[in-house]
Protein backbone atom coordinates (compact mmCIF):
# COMPACT_ATOMS: atom_id res chain seq x y z
CA MET A 1 -35.19 19.43 37.76
CA LEU A 2 -32.27 21.86 37.57
CA VAL A 3 -31.58 21.57 41.29
CA ILE A 4 -31.61 17.78 41.07
CA ALA A 5 -29.31 17.84 38.04
CA GLY A 6 -26.96 20.23 39.84
CA ALA A 7 -26.90 18.02 42.91
CA CYS A 8 -26.22 14.90 40.82
CA TRP A 9 -23.57 16.54 38.62
CA PRO A 10 -20.54 15.20 40.55
CA LEU A 11 -21.87 11.67 40.13
CA LEU A 12 -22.70 12.22 36.46
CA SER A 13 -19.27 13.67 35.72
CA ARG A 14 -17.64 10.53 37.14
CA LEU A 15 -19.64 8.51 34.61
CA GLY A 16 -18.09 10.53 31.79
CA LEU A 17 -21.12 12.68 31.09
CA GLY A 18 -19.88 16.08 30.01
CA ARG A 19 -16.73 14.85 28.27
CA LEU A 20 -18.17 12.77 25.47
CA PRO A 21 -16.62 12.54 22.01
CA GLY A 22 -18.15 15.33 19.96
CA ASP A 23 -18.19 17.86 22.79
CA ILE A 24 -16.46 21.04 21.66
CA ALA A 25 -13.60 22.32 23.80
CA VAL A 26 -11.39 25.19 22.64
CA THR A 27 -8.58 26.40 24.87
CA GLY A 28 -6.88 29.61 23.92
CA GLU A 29 -4.22 31.85 25.32
CA HIS A 30 -6.66 34.10 27.18
CA GLY A 31 -9.45 31.69 28.07
CA SER A 32 -11.37 28.64 27.10
CA PHE A 33 -14.72 27.72 25.60
CA TYR A 34 -16.58 24.48 26.20
CA PHE A 35 -19.86 23.43 24.58
CA PRO A 36 -21.06 19.90 25.43
CA ILE A 37 -23.10 19.33 22.27
CA MET A 38 -23.10 15.50 22.39
CA THR A 39 -23.91 15.55 26.09
CA CYS A 40 -26.88 17.84 25.38
CA ILE A 41 -28.12 15.53 22.62
CA LEU A 42 -27.79 12.46 24.85
CA VAL A 43 -29.55 14.10 27.80
CA SER A 44 -32.31 15.36 25.50
CA ALA A 45 -32.86 11.90 24.01
CA VAL A 46 -32.98 10.23 27.44
CA LEU A 47 -35.38 12.82 28.86
CA SER A 48 -37.60 12.58 25.77
CA LEU A 49 -37.76 8.81 26.20
CA VAL A 50 -38.54 9.10 29.92
CA PHE A 51 -41.32 11.65 29.35
CA TRP A 52 -42.72 9.64 26.44
CA ILE A 53 -42.89 6.51 28.59
CA ALA A 54 -44.38 8.47 31.50
CA GLY A 55 -47.02 9.94 29.20
CA ARG A 56 -48.17 6.52 28.10
CA PHE A 57 -49.16 5.52 31.66
């Protein structure tokens, strides 16, 4: 799954996934920090729905 997600990441980033409102991005003088919390919640909800549907069949 991680390899597939990594391979699809350029496509997913063009769709806006990874830069959703609610994602935390802090840029400082000596570096930056990025935590995609809303992206994680969205991906988790979609995967939960997919696995729930797959489990019903």
